[in-house]
């Protein structure tokens, strides 16, 4: 079974799946040895550990894939890669997804921020239009081919446009073909509950930081 299939199976079978954020081969191997079934690269962690800089879009796609490729080869569990905005427009997303598949990545995060992006918990984030990100999601779905890559559609609209808009975007991204939805930076436990109630039949990601 491919790692993409393994990730899908775990998402389907687990009511809650805890996925630690890792940033290099050592942290990934430690997580695997501790018994975690899936790991995810942290864009913040890779920027900090490789450049000593905050998550402000300093890393290029080439630098990100250099780190991701080494991590994938070092472990025997599925890896979800934080691929920011896909590093450009729809055409860039197609290439980004194909590169991820070729490296053996099991899932990706694709967010709707403007580029250069910012860490989801920083101020001053700006998002692209819903329609533009829907086009990116659809392009990612087509570009993954038969790989079974899991696509997580992320929205950062909560901060600038409000929770209702973020929920609306999450639903739209799921309808466009995303396998799971990540509404970044809710402001309270009550908002987490509202998100779950508004998107009851959709796999959801919550970032505990």
N, C-alpha and C. Protein backbone atom coordinates (compact mmCIF):
# COMPACT_ATOMS: atom_id res chain seq x y z
N UNK A 1 0.84 -1.20 0.00
CA UNK A 1 0.00 0.00 0.00
C UNK A 1 0.88 1.25 0.00
N UNK A 2 0.57 2.21 -0.89
CA UNK A 2 1.34 3.44 -0.95
C UNK A 2 1.09 4.27 0.30
N UNK A 3 2.03 5.20 0.57
CA UNK A 3 1.85 6.06 1.74
C UNK A 3 0.61 6.93 1.59
N UNK A 4 0.28 7.33 0.33
CA UNK A 4 -0.94 8.10 0.12
C UNK A 4 -2.16 7.31 0.54
N UNK A 5 -2.19 6.02 0.17
CA UNK A 5 -3.30 5.16 0.58
C UNK A 5 -3.30 4.95 2.09
N UNK A 6 -2.11 4.80 2.67
CA UNK A 6 -2.01 4.63 4.12
C UNK A 6 -2.59 5.83 4.85
N UNK A 7 -2.26 7.02 4.37
CA UNK A 7 -2.77 8.23 5.00
C UNK A 7 -4.29 8.29 4.89
N UNK A 8 -4.82 7.97 3.73
CA UNK A 8 -6.28 7.98 3.56
C UNK A 8 -6.94 6.99 4.52
N UNK A 9 -6.35 5.82 4.65
CA UNK A 9 -6.91 4.81 5.55
C UNK A 9 -6.92 5.31 6.98
N UNK A 10 -5.82 5.93 7.41
CA UNK A 10 -5.75 6.44 8.78
C UNK A 10 -6.77 7.56 9.01
N UNK A 11 -6.95 8.42 8.01
CA UNK A 11 -7.93 9.49 8.16
C UNK A 11 -9.35 8.94 8.26
N UNK A 12 -9.62 7.87 7.52
CA UNK A 12 -10.95 7.27 7.53
C UNK A 12 -11.22 6.50 8.82
N UNK A 13 -10.19 5.90 9.39
CA UNK A 13 -10.37 5.02 10.55
C UNK A 13 -10.24 5.73 11.89
N UNK A 14 -9.66 6.92 11.90
CA UNK A 14 -9.38 7.61 13.16
C UNK A 14 -10.34 8.76 13.39
N UNK A 15 -10.98 8.76 14.56
CA UNK A 15 -11.82 9.90 14.90
C UNK A 15 -10.96 11.13 15.13
N UNK A 16 -9.83 10.94 15.82
CA UNK A 16 -8.84 12.01 15.99
C UNK A 16 -7.47 11.42 15.69
N UNK A 17 -6.75 12.03 14.79
CA UNK A 17 -5.41 11.59 14.44
C UNK A 17 -4.43 12.69 14.81
N UNK A 18 -3.54 12.40 15.77
CA UNK A 18 -2.56 13.39 16.21
C UNK A 18 -1.34 13.32 15.29
N UNK A 19 -1.02 14.45 14.67
CA UNK A 19 0.07 14.50 13.68
C UNK A 19 1.09 15.55 14.13
N UNK A 20 2.25 15.13 14.61
CA UNK A 20 3.24 16.11 15.06
C UNK A 20 3.88 16.87 13.91
N UNK A 21 4.18 18.14 14.14
CA UNK A 21 4.91 18.93 13.16
C UNK A 21 6.40 18.71 13.32
N UNK A 22 7.07 18.37 12.22
CA UNK A 22 8.51 18.11 12.26
C UNK A 22 9.21 19.02 11.23
N UNK A 23 10.54 19.09 11.34
CA UNK A 23 11.24 20.06 10.48
C UNK A 23 12.56 19.53 9.91
N UNK A 24 12.95 18.31 10.31
CA UNK A 24 14.15 17.70 9.72
C UNK A 24 14.07 16.20 9.91
N UNK A 25 15.09 15.48 9.43
CA UNK A 25 15.07 14.03 9.49
C UNK A 25 15.05 13.52 10.93
N UNK A 26 15.82 14.16 11.81
CA UNK A 26 15.91 13.69 13.18
C UNK A 26 14.57 13.82 13.90
N UNK A 27 13.93 14.97 13.78
CA UNK A 27 12.64 15.15 14.45
C UNK A 27 11.60 14.19 13.87
N UNK A 28 11.68 13.91 12.57
CA UNK A 28 10.74 12.97 11.96
C UNK A 28 10.96 11.55 12.48
N UNK A 29 12.23 11.15 12.58
CA UNK A 29 12.53 9.79 13.06
C UNK A 29 12.16 9.62 14.53
N UNK A 30 12.35 10.68 15.32
CA UNK A 30 11.94 10.61 16.73
C UNK A 30 10.43 10.43 16.83
N UNK A 31 9.68 11.18 16.03
CA UNK A 31 8.22 11.05 16.04
C UNK A 31 7.81 9.63 15.63
N UNK A 32 8.47 9.09 14.62
CA UNK A 32 8.15 7.73 14.19
C UNK A 32 8.46 6.72 15.29
N UNK A 33 9.60 6.86 15.93
CA UNK A 33 9.98 5.92 16.99
C UNK A 33 9.06 6.01 18.20
N UNK A 34 8.47 7.18 18.41
CA UNK A 34 7.54 7.36 19.53
C UNK A 34 6.16 6.77 19.23
N UNK A 35 5.95 6.34 17.99
CA UNK A 35 4.71 5.66 17.66
C UNK A 35 3.70 6.47 16.89
N UNK A 36 4.03 7.71 16.49
CA UNK A 36 3.09 8.48 15.68
C UNK A 36 2.95 7.83 14.31
N UNK A 37 1.72 7.83 13.79
CA UNK A 37 1.43 7.14 12.54
C UNK A 37 1.64 8.02 11.31
N UNK A 38 1.62 9.33 11.49
CA UNK A 38 1.76 10.30 10.41
C UNK A 38 2.54 11.49 10.95
N UNK A 39 3.36 12.12 10.12
CA UNK A 39 4.02 13.37 10.50
C UNK A 39 3.73 14.43 9.43
N UNK A 40 3.92 15.68 9.80
CA UNK A 40 3.71 16.79 8.87
C UNK A 40 4.86 17.77 9.00
N UNK A 41 5.35 18.24 7.86
CA UNK A 41 6.40 19.25 7.91
C UNK A 41 5.79 20.57 8.36
N UNK A 42 6.54 21.28 9.17
CA UNK A 42 6.16 22.61 9.63
C UNK A 42 6.91 23.64 8.80
N UNK A 43 6.17 24.44 8.04
CA UNK A 43 6.82 25.50 7.27
C UNK A 43 7.57 26.45 8.17
N UNK A 44 6.96 26.77 9.32
CA UNK A 44 7.62 27.61 10.31
C UNK A 44 8.90 26.95 10.80
N UNK A 45 8.81 25.64 11.11
CA UNK A 45 9.96 24.92 11.63
C UNK A 45 11.10 24.83 10.65
N UNK A 46 10.78 24.58 9.38
CA UNK A 46 11.84 24.47 8.37
C UNK A 46 12.48 25.82 8.11
N UNK A 47 11.68 26.89 8.08
CA UNK A 47 12.24 28.23 7.90
C UNK A 47 13.17 28.59 9.04
N UNK A 48 12.74 28.28 10.27
CA UNK A 48 13.54 28.61 11.44
C UNK A 48 14.81 27.77 11.52
N UNK A 49 14.70 26.47 11.23
CA UNK A 49 15.84 25.57 11.41
C UNK A 49 16.85 25.68 10.26
N UNK A 50 16.38 25.98 9.06
CA UNK A 50 17.30 26.01 7.91
C UNK A 50 17.82 27.41 7.59
N UNK A 51 17.01 28.44 7.90
CA UNK A 51 17.41 29.82 7.58
C UNK A 51 17.56 30.71 8.80
N UNK A 52 17.01 30.27 9.94
CA UNK A 52 17.01 31.13 11.12
C UNK A 52 16.11 32.33 10.95
N UNK A 53 15.05 32.17 10.14
CA UNK A 53 14.14 33.27 9.83
C UNK A 53 12.70 32.86 10.13
N UNK A 54 11.82 33.85 10.34
CA UNK A 54 10.41 33.53 10.59
C UNK A 54 9.71 33.05 9.33
N UNK A 55 8.48 32.60 9.50
CA UNK A 55 7.70 32.04 8.39
C UNK A 55 7.03 33.17 7.62
N UNK A 56 7.83 33.88 6.83
CA UNK A 56 7.35 35.01 6.04
C UNK A 56 7.52 34.78 4.55
N UNK A 57 7.59 33.53 4.12
CA UNK A 57 7.73 33.24 2.70
C UNK A 57 9.15 33.34 2.17
N UNK A 58 10.13 33.26 3.06
CA UNK A 58 11.53 33.35 2.62
C UNK A 58 11.97 32.10 1.86
N UNK A 59 11.43 30.94 2.24
CA UNK A 59 11.84 29.69 1.60
C UNK A 59 11.29 29.58 0.19
N UNK A 60 12.13 29.20 -0.75
CA UNK A 60 11.68 28.94 -2.10
C UNK A 60 11.14 27.51 -2.18
N UNK A 61 10.44 27.21 -3.27
CA UNK A 61 9.95 25.84 -3.47
C UNK A 61 11.11 24.85 -3.51
N UNK A 62 12.20 25.23 -4.15
CA UNK A 62 13.36 24.34 -4.25
C UNK A 62 13.93 24.02 -2.89
N UNK A 63 14.06 25.04 -2.03
CA UNK A 63 14.59 24.81 -0.69
C UNK A 63 13.64 23.94 0.13
N UNK A 64 12.34 24.19 0.00
CA UNK A 64 11.37 23.41 0.74
C UNK A 64 11.42 21.94 0.32
N UNK A 65 11.46 21.69 -0.98
CA UNK A 65 11.48 20.31 -1.45
C UNK A 65 12.80 19.61 -1.12
N UNK A 66 13.87 20.37 -1.03
CA UNK A 66 15.15 19.76 -0.61
C UNK A 66 15.01 19.18 0.79
N UNK A 67 14.39 19.92 1.69
CA UNK A 67 14.19 19.43 3.06
C UNK A 67 13.17 18.30 3.08
N UNK A 68 12.06 18.48 2.38
CA UNK A 68 11.00 17.48 2.39
C UNK A 68 11.49 16.15 1.83
N UNK A 69 12.23 16.20 0.73
CA UNK A 69 12.72 14.97 0.11
C UNK A 69 13.59 14.16 1.03
N UNK A 70 14.47 14.81 1.77
CA UNK A 70 15.32 14.08 2.71
C UNK A 70 14.51 13.48 3.85
N UNK A 71 13.50 14.22 4.32
CA UNK A 71 12.68 13.71 5.41
C UNK A 71 11.89 12.48 4.96
N UNK A 72 11.28 12.55 3.77
CA UNK A 72 10.51 11.42 3.26
C UNK A 72 11.36 10.16 3.21
N UNK A 73 12.60 10.29 2.76
CA UNK A 73 13.48 9.12 2.61
C UNK A 73 13.94 8.56 3.95
N UNK A 74 13.80 9.33 5.00
CA UNK A 74 14.34 8.90 6.29
C UNK A 74 13.34 8.14 7.16
N UNK A 75 12.07 8.12 6.76
CA UNK A 75 11.03 7.51 7.61
C UNK A 75 10.20 6.51 6.81
N UNK A 76 9.43 5.73 7.54
CA UNK A 76 8.57 4.71 6.92
C UNK A 76 7.11 4.90 7.30
N UNK A 77 6.71 6.14 7.49
CA UNK A 77 5.32 6.50 7.74
C UNK A 77 4.94 7.65 6.81
N UNK A 78 3.65 7.87 6.58
CA UNK A 78 3.23 8.95 5.69
C UNK A 78 3.65 10.33 6.18
N UNK A 79 3.96 11.20 5.22
CA UNK A 79 4.32 12.58 5.54
C UNK A 79 3.41 13.54 4.79
N UNK A 80 2.88 14.51 5.52
CA UNK A 80 2.11 15.61 4.93
C UNK A 80 3.04 16.81 4.82
N UNK A 81 3.12 17.40 3.63
CA UNK A 81 4.03 18.52 3.40
C UNK A 81 3.28 19.84 3.38
N UNK A 82 3.77 20.79 4.14
CA UNK A 82 3.24 22.15 4.11
C UNK A 82 3.83 22.85 2.89
N UNK A 83 3.01 23.03 1.86
CA UNK A 83 3.50 23.64 0.62
C UNK A 83 2.95 25.04 0.42
N UNK A 84 2.63 25.70 1.52
CA UNK A 84 2.26 27.12 1.49
C UNK A 84 1.17 27.38 0.46
N UNK A 85 1.40 28.31 -0.45
CA UNK A 85 0.39 28.68 -1.45
C UNK A 85 0.54 27.90 -2.75
N UNK A 86 1.47 26.96 -2.79
CA UNK A 86 1.77 26.28 -4.04
C UNK A 86 2.82 27.02 -4.85
N UNK A 87 3.32 28.13 -4.27
CA UNK A 87 4.44 28.90 -4.83
C UNK A 87 4.10 29.59 -6.15
N UNK A 88 2.88 30.08 -6.24
CA UNK A 88 2.54 30.85 -7.43
C UNK A 88 1.09 30.64 -7.85
N UNK A 89 0.86 30.70 -9.14
CA UNK A 89 -0.50 30.58 -9.66
C UNK A 89 -0.85 29.11 -9.93
N UNK A 90 -1.91 28.90 -10.68
CA UNK A 90 -2.38 27.54 -10.96
C UNK A 90 -1.31 26.69 -11.63
N UNK A 91 -0.58 27.27 -12.56
CA UNK A 91 0.47 26.52 -13.25
C UNK A 91 1.57 26.10 -12.28
N UNK A 92 1.93 26.99 -11.36
CA UNK A 92 2.94 26.65 -10.36
C UNK A 92 2.44 25.54 -9.44
N UNK A 93 1.15 25.59 -9.11
CA UNK A 93 0.57 24.54 -8.26
C UNK A 93 0.68 23.18 -8.94
N UNK A 94 0.42 23.12 -10.22
CA UNK A 94 0.52 21.85 -10.95
C UNK A 94 1.92 21.28 -10.82
N UNK A 95 2.92 22.11 -11.05
CA UNK A 95 4.29 21.61 -10.94
C UNK A 95 4.61 21.23 -9.49
N UNK A 96 4.19 22.05 -8.54
CA UNK A 96 4.46 21.77 -7.13
C UNK A 96 3.88 20.42 -6.72
N UNK A 97 2.65 20.15 -7.11
CA UNK A 97 2.00 18.89 -6.75
C UNK A 97 2.71 17.71 -7.40
N UNK A 98 3.08 17.84 -8.65
CA UNK A 98 3.78 16.75 -9.33
C UNK A 98 5.13 16.48 -8.67
N UNK A 99 5.83 17.53 -8.26
CA UNK A 99 7.10 17.35 -7.55
C UNK A 99 6.88 16.63 -6.22
N UNK A 100 5.82 16.99 -5.52
CA UNK A 100 5.51 16.34 -4.24
C UNK A 100 5.23 14.86 -4.44
N UNK A 101 4.46 14.54 -5.46
CA UNK A 101 4.15 13.14 -5.75
C UNK A 101 5.42 12.36 -6.07
N UNK A 102 6.30 12.95 -6.87
CA UNK A 102 7.54 12.27 -7.26
C UNK A 102 8.44 12.00 -6.06
N UNK A 103 8.35 12.84 -5.04
CA UNK A 103 9.16 12.65 -3.83
C UNK A 103 8.58 11.60 -2.88
N UNK A 104 7.34 11.20 -3.11
CA UNK A 104 6.71 10.23 -2.23
C UNK A 104 5.94 10.83 -1.08
N UNK A 105 5.60 12.12 -1.19
CA UNK A 105 4.80 12.78 -0.17
C UNK A 105 3.39 12.18 -0.17
N UNK A 106 2.79 12.05 1.01
CA UNK A 106 1.47 11.42 1.14
C UNK A 106 0.33 12.43 1.10
N UNK A 107 0.59 13.63 1.57
CA UNK A 107 -0.44 14.66 1.60
C UNK A 107 0.19 16.03 1.56
N UNK A 108 -0.59 17.04 1.19
CA UNK A 108 -0.08 18.40 1.13
C UNK A 108 -1.09 19.36 1.75
N UNK A 109 -0.57 20.46 2.28
CA UNK A 109 -1.38 21.61 2.69
C UNK A 109 -1.26 22.68 1.63
N UNK A 110 -2.40 23.22 1.19
CA UNK A 110 -2.39 24.27 0.17
C UNK A 110 -3.28 25.39 0.67
N UNK A 111 -2.67 26.56 0.91
CA UNK A 111 -3.38 27.65 1.58
C UNK A 111 -3.75 28.78 0.64
N UNK A 112 -4.68 29.63 1.10
CA UNK A 112 -5.21 30.69 0.24
C UNK A 112 -4.66 32.08 0.56
N UNK A 113 -3.49 32.15 1.16
CA UNK A 113 -2.88 33.45 1.38
C UNK A 113 -2.27 34.02 0.09
N UNK A 114 -2.12 35.34 0.08
CA UNK A 114 -1.32 35.98 -0.96
C UNK A 114 0.15 35.65 -0.73
N UNK A 115 0.94 35.65 -1.80
CA UNK A 115 2.37 35.41 -1.67
C UNK A 115 3.11 36.74 -1.73
N UNK A 116 4.10 36.95 -0.87
CA UNK A 116 4.63 36.04 0.13
C UNK A 116 3.69 35.89 1.33
N UNK A 117 3.57 34.65 1.79
CA UNK A 117 2.65 34.34 2.89
C UNK A 117 3.30 34.67 4.23
N UNK A 118 2.48 34.52 5.28
CA UNK A 118 2.97 34.68 6.65
C UNK A 118 2.50 33.48 7.47
N UNK A 119 3.21 33.22 8.55
CA UNK A 119 2.75 32.21 9.50
C UNK A 119 1.29 32.47 9.85
N UNK A 120 0.50 31.40 9.97
CA UNK A 120 -0.92 31.55 10.21
C UNK A 120 -1.30 32.29 11.47
N UNK A 121 -0.37 32.43 12.41
CA UNK A 121 -0.68 33.10 13.67
C UNK A 121 -0.05 34.49 13.74
N UNK A 122 0.46 34.98 12.60
CA UNK A 122 0.98 36.35 12.54
C UNK A 122 -0.14 37.30 12.09
N UNK A 123 0.05 38.58 12.36
CA UNK A 123 -0.91 39.59 11.92
C UNK A 123 -0.58 40.04 10.50
N UNK A 124 -1.56 40.68 9.86
CA UNK A 124 -1.34 41.27 8.55
C UNK A 124 -1.45 40.30 7.39
N UNK A 125 -2.09 39.14 7.60
CA UNK A 125 -2.24 38.19 6.50
C UNK A 125 -3.28 38.71 5.50
N UNK A 126 -3.07 38.38 4.23
CA UNK A 126 -4.03 38.72 3.19
C UNK A 126 -4.30 37.46 2.37
N UNK A 127 -5.55 37.32 1.94
CA UNK A 127 -5.93 36.11 1.21
C UNK A 127 -6.35 36.45 -0.21
N UNK A 128 -6.18 35.46 -1.09
CA UNK A 128 -6.64 35.60 -2.46
C UNK A 128 -8.15 35.36 -2.50
N UNK A 129 -8.76 35.53 -3.65
CA UNK A 129 -10.20 35.30 -3.76
C UNK A 129 -10.53 33.82 -3.63
N UNK A 130 -11.75 33.54 -3.24
CA UNK A 130 -12.19 32.15 -3.13
C UNK A 130 -12.07 31.44 -4.47
N UNK A 131 -12.48 32.10 -5.53
CA UNK A 131 -12.46 31.48 -6.85
C UNK A 131 -11.04 31.13 -7.29
N UNK A 132 -10.08 31.99 -6.94
CA UNK A 132 -8.70 31.72 -7.33
C UNK A 132 -8.16 30.49 -6.60
N UNK A 133 -8.52 30.35 -5.32
CA UNK A 133 -8.02 29.18 -4.60
C UNK A 133 -8.77 27.91 -5.01
N UNK A 134 -10.02 28.04 -5.36
CA UNK A 134 -10.75 26.88 -5.89
C UNK A 134 -10.05 26.37 -7.14
N UNK A 135 -9.59 27.28 -7.99
CA UNK A 135 -8.87 26.88 -9.20
C UNK A 135 -7.58 26.15 -8.84
N UNK A 136 -6.90 26.59 -7.77
CA UNK A 136 -5.68 25.91 -7.33
C UNK A 136 -5.99 24.51 -6.81
N UNK A 137 -7.07 24.38 -6.04
CA UNK A 137 -7.45 23.07 -5.52
C UNK A 137 -7.75 22.12 -6.67
N UNK A 138 -8.53 22.57 -7.64
CA UNK A 138 -8.87 21.73 -8.78
C UNK A 138 -7.63 21.34 -9.58
N UNK A 139 -6.70 22.26 -9.72
CA UNK A 139 -5.45 21.96 -10.43
C UNK A 139 -4.65 20.92 -9.66
N UNK A 140 -4.62 21.02 -8.34
CA UNK A 140 -3.89 20.06 -7.52
C UNK A 140 -4.50 18.67 -7.63
N UNK A 141 -5.83 18.60 -7.63
CA UNK A 141 -6.52 17.32 -7.77
C UNK A 141 -6.16 16.65 -9.09
N UNK A 142 -6.15 17.43 -10.15
CA UNK A 142 -5.82 16.85 -11.45
C UNK A 142 -4.34 16.47 -11.53
N UNK A 143 -3.47 17.30 -10.95
CA UNK A 143 -2.03 17.06 -11.05
C UNK A 143 -1.58 15.84 -10.26
N UNK A 144 -2.32 15.45 -9.22
CA UNK A 144 -1.89 14.29 -8.43
C UNK A 144 -2.06 12.98 -9.17
N UNK A 145 -2.88 12.98 -10.22
CA UNK A 145 -3.05 11.78 -11.03
C UNK A 145 -3.60 10.62 -10.23
N UNK A 146 -2.94 9.47 -10.36
CA UNK A 146 -3.38 8.24 -9.68
C UNK A 146 -2.64 8.03 -8.36
N UNK A 147 -1.96 9.04 -7.87
CA UNK A 147 -1.09 8.88 -6.70
C UNK A 147 -1.85 8.74 -5.39
N UNK A 148 -3.11 9.17 -5.35
CA UNK A 148 -3.90 9.17 -4.12
C UNK A 148 -3.38 10.17 -3.09
N UNK A 149 -2.63 11.16 -3.53
CA UNK A 149 -2.16 12.23 -2.66
C UNK A 149 -3.34 12.89 -1.96
N UNK A 150 -3.24 13.08 -0.65
CA UNK A 150 -4.28 13.74 0.12
C UNK A 150 -4.06 15.25 0.05
N UNK A 151 -5.09 15.98 -0.34
CA UNK A 151 -5.00 17.43 -0.48
C UNK A 151 -5.80 18.09 0.63
N UNK A 152 -5.12 18.89 1.44
CA UNK A 152 -5.77 19.61 2.54
C UNK A 152 -5.89 21.07 2.15
N UNK A 153 -7.11 21.53 1.99
CA UNK A 153 -7.34 22.93 1.64
C UNK A 153 -7.37 23.79 2.89
N UNK A 154 -6.48 24.76 2.94
CA UNK A 154 -6.37 25.62 4.12
C UNK A 154 -6.83 27.03 3.78
N UNK A 155 -7.56 27.63 4.72
CA UNK A 155 -7.91 29.03 4.57
C UNK A 155 -7.42 29.84 5.76
N UNK A 156 -6.88 31.01 5.48
CA UNK A 156 -6.43 31.96 6.49
C UNK A 156 -7.35 33.16 6.56
N UNK A 157 -8.60 32.97 6.12
CA UNK A 157 -9.53 34.09 6.03
C UNK A 157 -10.08 34.52 7.38
N UNK A 158 -9.94 33.71 8.41
CA UNK A 158 -10.52 34.06 9.72
C UNK A 158 -10.07 35.43 10.19
N UNK A 159 -8.79 35.72 10.09
CA UNK A 159 -8.26 36.96 10.67
C UNK A 159 -8.79 38.20 9.97
N UNK A 160 -8.83 38.18 8.65
CA UNK A 160 -9.17 39.40 7.91
C UNK A 160 -10.63 39.49 7.49
N UNK A 161 -11.29 38.34 7.31
CA UNK A 161 -12.65 38.34 6.77
C UNK A 161 -13.69 37.74 7.71
N UNK A 162 -13.24 37.16 8.83
CA UNK A 162 -14.18 36.63 9.81
C UNK A 162 -14.39 35.13 9.70
N UNK A 163 -14.95 34.57 10.76
CA UNK A 163 -15.11 33.12 10.85
C UNK A 163 -16.11 32.59 9.82
N UNK A 164 -17.23 33.30 9.63
CA UNK A 164 -18.24 32.82 8.68
C UNK A 164 -17.66 32.69 7.27
N UNK A 165 -16.87 33.67 6.87
CA UNK A 165 -16.25 33.60 5.54
C UNK A 165 -15.25 32.46 5.48
N UNK A 166 -14.51 32.25 6.55
CA UNK A 166 -13.56 31.13 6.58
C UNK A 166 -14.28 29.80 6.43
N UNK A 167 -15.42 29.66 7.11
CA UNK A 167 -16.21 28.43 7.00
C UNK A 167 -16.76 28.26 5.59
N UNK A 168 -17.25 29.34 5.01
CA UNK A 168 -17.75 29.28 3.64
C UNK A 168 -16.65 28.84 2.66
N UNK A 169 -15.46 29.37 2.87
CA UNK A 169 -14.34 28.98 2.01
C UNK A 169 -13.99 27.51 2.22
N UNK A 170 -14.00 27.07 3.47
CA UNK A 170 -13.69 25.67 3.73
C UNK A 170 -14.64 24.75 3.00
N UNK A 171 -15.92 25.06 3.04
CA UNK A 171 -16.91 24.25 2.35
C UNK A 171 -16.69 24.29 0.84
N UNK A 172 -16.36 25.46 0.31
CA UNK A 172 -16.12 25.59 -1.13
C UNK A 172 -14.89 24.82 -1.56
N UNK A 173 -13.85 24.82 -0.74
CA UNK A 173 -12.63 24.10 -1.10
C UNK A 173 -12.86 22.59 -1.07
N UNK A 174 -13.70 22.14 -0.13
CA UNK A 174 -14.02 20.72 -0.08
C UNK A 174 -14.82 20.32 -1.33
N UNK A 175 -15.78 21.15 -1.71
CA UNK A 175 -16.56 20.86 -2.90
C UNK A 175 -15.70 20.87 -4.16
N UNK A 176 -14.61 21.65 -4.13
CA UNK A 176 -13.70 21.72 -5.27
C UNK A 176 -12.80 20.50 -5.39
N UNK A 177 -12.76 19.66 -4.33
CA UNK A 177 -11.98 18.44 -4.41
C UNK A 177 -10.98 18.21 -3.30
N UNK A 178 -10.85 19.16 -2.37
CA UNK A 178 -9.94 18.94 -1.24
C UNK A 178 -10.46 17.77 -0.40
N UNK A 179 -9.54 16.99 0.14
CA UNK A 179 -9.92 15.82 0.94
C UNK A 179 -10.17 16.17 2.41
N UNK A 180 -9.60 17.26 2.87
CA UNK A 180 -9.77 17.72 4.24
C UNK A 180 -9.64 19.24 4.24
N UNK A 181 -10.12 19.86 5.30
CA UNK A 181 -10.13 21.32 5.39
C UNK A 181 -9.44 21.78 6.67
N UNK A 182 -8.65 22.83 6.53
CA UNK A 182 -7.91 23.41 7.65
C UNK A 182 -8.28 24.89 7.73
N UNK A 183 -9.10 25.25 8.71
CA UNK A 183 -9.41 26.65 8.97
C UNK A 183 -8.43 27.14 10.03
N UNK A 184 -7.49 27.94 9.60
CA UNK A 184 -6.37 28.34 10.44
C UNK A 184 -6.76 29.45 11.42
N UNK A 185 -6.18 29.35 12.62
CA UNK A 185 -6.20 30.39 13.65
C UNK A 185 -7.58 30.81 14.14
N UNK A 186 -8.44 29.84 14.49
CA UNK A 186 -9.67 30.23 15.21
C UNK A 186 -9.29 30.86 16.55
N UNK A 187 -10.17 31.68 17.09
CA UNK A 187 -9.83 32.51 18.24
C UNK A 187 -10.22 31.92 19.59
N UNK A 188 -10.96 30.82 19.59
CA UNK A 188 -11.42 30.27 20.86
C UNK A 188 -11.88 28.83 20.68
N UNK A 189 -12.11 28.16 21.80
CA UNK A 189 -12.66 26.82 21.76
C UNK A 189 -14.06 26.85 21.14
N UNK A 190 -14.81 27.90 21.43
CA UNK A 190 -16.16 28.03 20.87
C UNK A 190 -16.11 28.09 19.34
N UNK A 191 -15.10 28.75 18.80
CA UNK A 191 -14.98 28.81 17.34
C UNK A 191 -14.61 27.45 16.76
N UNK A 192 -13.78 26.69 17.47
CA UNK A 192 -13.46 25.33 17.03
C UNK A 192 -14.73 24.49 16.95
N UNK A 193 -15.60 24.62 17.94
CA UNK A 193 -16.86 23.88 17.96
C UNK A 193 -17.74 24.33 16.79
N UNK A 194 -17.81 25.62 16.55
CA UNK A 194 -18.64 26.14 15.46
C UNK A 194 -18.17 25.62 14.11
N UNK A 195 -16.85 25.55 13.92
CA UNK A 195 -16.30 25.03 12.67
C UNK A 195 -16.72 23.58 12.47
N UNK A 196 -16.59 22.79 13.54
CA UNK A 196 -16.95 21.37 13.44
C UNK A 196 -18.44 21.20 13.17
N UNK A 197 -19.27 22.03 13.78
CA UNK A 197 -20.71 21.93 13.56
C UNK A 197 -21.11 22.39 12.16
N UNK A 198 -20.39 23.37 11.63
CA UNK A 198 -20.73 23.90 10.31
C UNK A 198 -20.25 22.99 9.17
N UNK A 199 -19.21 22.18 9.45
CA UNK A 199 -18.65 21.28 8.43
C UNK A 199 -18.67 19.86 8.98
N UNK A 200 -19.86 19.29 9.22
CA UNK A 200 -19.96 18.05 10.01
C UNK A 200 -19.43 16.81 9.34
N UNK A 201 -19.43 16.75 8.03
CA UNK A 201 -19.03 15.51 7.33
C UNK A 201 -17.72 15.66 6.58
N UNK A 202 -16.91 16.61 7.01
CA UNK A 202 -15.64 16.90 6.34
C UNK A 202 -14.50 16.67 7.31
N UNK A 203 -13.46 15.91 6.91
CA UNK A 203 -12.28 15.78 7.77
C UNK A 203 -11.66 17.16 8.02
N UNK A 204 -11.38 17.48 9.27
CA UNK A 204 -10.89 18.80 9.63
C UNK A 204 -9.52 18.72 10.30
N UNK A 205 -8.72 19.74 10.05
CA UNK A 205 -7.40 19.89 10.67
C UNK A 205 -7.45 21.04 11.66
N UNK A 206 -6.92 20.84 12.85
CA UNK A 206 -6.78 21.91 13.84
C UNK A 206 -5.32 21.99 14.23
N UNK A 207 -4.79 23.19 14.20
CA UNK A 207 -3.38 23.42 14.51
C UNK A 207 -3.24 23.81 15.98
N UNK A 208 -2.69 22.91 16.79
CA UNK A 208 -2.54 23.18 18.22
C UNK A 208 -1.13 23.68 18.46
N UNK A 209 -0.97 24.98 18.69
CA UNK A 209 0.37 25.58 18.76
C UNK A 209 0.45 26.52 19.95
